Amino acid sequence: MKTPTRKLIFIVAIVGFALSAIWENIHFPLYVNFASWMKHIFFALCALGDVFLILCVYSITAAVYRDIHWLHSLSAGKLTTALVISVLLSIIAEGLALYLGWWDYTDRMPTIPPGIGLSPFLAIALLPVITFLISRKINQIL
């Protein structure tokens, strides 16, 4: 039986927020020069931003397959599609954040072309897929 859409999206959002909050706390020391409006809300705001991106990946993948419940009939192809979308969104989102001056990197942050940090790239490239896999398991239990 397919989970109602709201419940499925809620599970994805909660799992995504938890994983993102952990990731943001771990790689926080690799950042400097936060925009003034971000200094006190960095972890929560970044984790919420990550959830937004995870839900974007879910929605775009649903649009590609024309199936809002694509997570129920998971396949390697669907996961690969989600991963490719995640990689593209990661490059765009991190590039935009740097361009807007929301933060900079310390010298310890490894970067990849086009000059974005490896850690934030991996966060948005991998967390959606990991979130989807965990959310699917939770959905099967509930």
Protein backbone atom coordinates (compact mmCIF):
# COMPACT_ATOMS: atom_id res chain seq x y z
CA MET A 1 0.00 0.00 0.00
CA LYS A 2 1.30 3.44 -0.90
CA THR A 3 1.76 5.97 1.86
CA PRO A 4 -0.32 9.13 1.42
CA THR A 5 1.78 11.86 -0.21
CA ARG A 6 1.81 14.17 2.83
CA LYS A 7 3.03 11.41 5.12
CA LEU A 8 5.76 10.37 2.70
CA ILE A 9 6.95 13.97 2.23
CA PHE A 10 6.89 14.46 6.01
CA ILE A 11 9.08 11.39 6.54
CA VAL A 12 11.53 12.56 3.86
CA ALA A 13 11.66 16.06 5.39
CA ILE A 14 12.26 14.84 8.95
CA VAL A 15 14.94 12.33 7.95
CA GLY A 16 16.54 14.91 5.64
CA PHE A 17 16.59 17.54 8.39
CA ALA A 18 18.17 15.15 10.90
CA LEU A 19 20.89 14.01 8.50
CA SER A 20 21.54 17.56 7.31
CA ALA A 21 21.79 18.94 10.84
CA ILE A 22 24.40 16.31 11.68
CA TRP A 23 26.35 17.02 8.48
CA GLU A 24 26.20 20.81 8.99
CA ASN A 25 27.56 20.47 12.52
CA ILE A 26 30.40 18.24 11.39
CA HIS A 27 31.64 20.44 8.55
CA PHE A 28 30.97 23.82 10.23
CA PRO A 29 34.70 24.42 11.00
CA LEU A 30 35.41 24.52 7.24
CA TYR A 31 33.49 27.82 6.85
CA VAL A 32 34.25 31.47 7.63
CA ASN A 33 32.81 34.92 6.97
CA PHE A 34 29.13 34.15 7.29
CA ALA A 35 26.64 36.75 6.15
CA SER A 36 25.49 38.73 9.20
CA TRP A 37 21.95 37.33 9.01
CA MET A 38 23.32 33.76 9.16
CA LYS A 39 25.67 33.95 12.13
CA HIS A 40 23.19 32.88 14.80
CA ILE A 41 21.00 30.55 12.81
CA PHE A 42 23.58 28.78 10.65
CA PHE A 43 22.84 25.14 11.52
CA ALA A 44 19.07 25.35 11.47
CA LEU A 45 18.94 27.53 8.37
CA CYS A 46 21.40 25.40 6.42
CA ALA A 47 19.63 22.19 7.45
CA LEU A 48 16.29 23.69 6.33
CA GLY A 49 17.91 24.75 3.06
CA ASP A 50 19.16 21.20 2.61
CA VAL A 51 15.64 19.86 3.24
CA PHE A 52 14.34 22.23 0.55
CA LEU A 53 16.95 20.86 -1.88
CA ILE A 54 16.14 17.25 -0.90
CA LEU A 55 12.44 17.92 -1.56
CA CYS A 56 13.38 19.53 -4.88
CA VAL A 57 15.30 16.39 -5.84
CA TYR A 58 12.30 14.26 -4.81
CA SER A 59 9.90 16.45 -6.82
CA ILE A 60 12.06 16.61 -9.94
CA THR A 61 12.56 12.84 -9.84
CA ALA A 62 8.79 12.45 -9.43
CA ALA A 63 8.26 14.69 -12.46
CA VAL A 64 10.78 12.72 -14.53
CA TYR A 65 8.99 9.46 -13.75
CA ARG A 66 5.52 11.04 -13.55
CA ASP A 67 5.01 9.31 -10.24
CA ILE A 68 4.86 11.18 -6.91
CA HIS A 69 5.25 7.79 -5.18
CA TRP A 70 8.39 6.78 -7.10
CA LEU A 71 10.08 5.94 -3.82
CA HIS A 72 7.73 2.96 -3.37
CA SER A 73 8.91 1.34 -6.60
CA LEU A 74 12.57 2.18 -6.14
CA SER A 75 15.05 1.01 -8.76
CA ALA A 76 18.68 1.61 -9.60
CA GLY A 77 17.56 3.85 -12.44
CA LYS A 78 15.43 6.03 -10.17
CA LEU A 79 18.21 6.31 -7.60
CA THR A 80 20.68 7.22 -10.35
CA THR A 81 18.28 9.87 -11.64
CA ALA A 82 17.94 11.31 -8.12
CA LEU A 83 21.73 11.26 -7.73
CA VAL A 84 22.32 13.12 -11.01
CA ILE A 85 19.71 15.72 -10.05
CA SER A 86 21.34 16.02 -6.61
CA VAL A 87 24.78 16.60 -8.13
CA LEU A 88 23.46 19.33 -10.43
CA LEU A 89 21.52 21.05 -7.64
CA SER A 90 24.55 20.81 -5.38
CA ILE A 91 26.76 22.67 -7.85
CA ILE A 92 24.10 25.32 -8.49
CA ALA A 93 23.14 25.86 -4.82
CA GLU A 94 26.67 26.05 -3.45
CA GLY A 95 27.86 28.21 -6.33
CA LEU A 96 24.95 30.59 -5.73
CA ALA A 97 25.62 30.77 -1.98
CA LEU A 98 29.26 31.64 -2.63
CA TYR A 99 28.32 34.19 -5.29
CA LEU A 100 25.86 35.86 -2.89
CA GLY A 101 28.54 35.95 -0.17
CA TRP A 102 26.64 33.88 2.35
CA TRP A 103 29.92 32.25 3.46
CA ASP A 104 33.49 31.48 2.50
CA TYR A 105 35.72 28.51 3.10
CA THR A 106 38.72 28.13 5.36
CA ASP A 107 41.99 26.95 3.85
CA ARG A 108 41.14 23.45 5.12
CA MET A 109 38.11 23.10 2.80
CA PRO A 110 39.04 21.01 -0.22
CA THR A 111 37.44 22.41 -3.37
CA ILE A 112 36.39 20.91 -6.67
CA PRO A 113 35.76 22.59 -10.01
CA PRO A 114 34.05 25.04 -10.35
CA GLY A 115 35.55 26.21 -7.03
CA ILE A 116 32.93 24.85 -4.64
CA GLY A 117 33.71 23.05 -1.40
CA LEU A 118 33.91 19.28 -1.46
CA SER A 119 32.01 18.89 1.82
CA PRO A 120 28.92 20.91 0.81
CA PHE A 121 29.01 19.31 -2.63
CA LEU A 122 28.95 15.84 -1.09
CA ALA A 123 26.22 16.87 1.36
CA ILE A 124 23.74 17.82 -1.35
CA ALA A 125 24.94 15.16 -3.77
CA LEU A 126 24.59 12.27 -1.30
CA LEU A 127 22.15 13.26 1.46
CA PRO A 128 19.05 13.14 -0.77
CA VAL A 129 19.71 9.56 -1.85
CA ILE A 130 20.60 8.48 1.70
CA THR A 131 17.47 10.29 2.95
CA PHE A 132 15.30 8.50 0.38
CA LEU A 133 16.67 5.07 1.32
CA ILE A 134 16.17 5.63 5.07
CA SER A 135 12.73 7.19 4.54
CA ARG A 136 11.68 4.20 2.46
CA LYS A 137 12.66 1.85 5.29
CA ILE A 138 10.82 3.95 7.86
CA ASN A 139 7.77 4.02 5.62
CA GLN A 140 7.82 0.21 5.40
CA ILE A 141 7.85 -0.01 9.20
CA LEU A 142 5.06 2.53 9.83
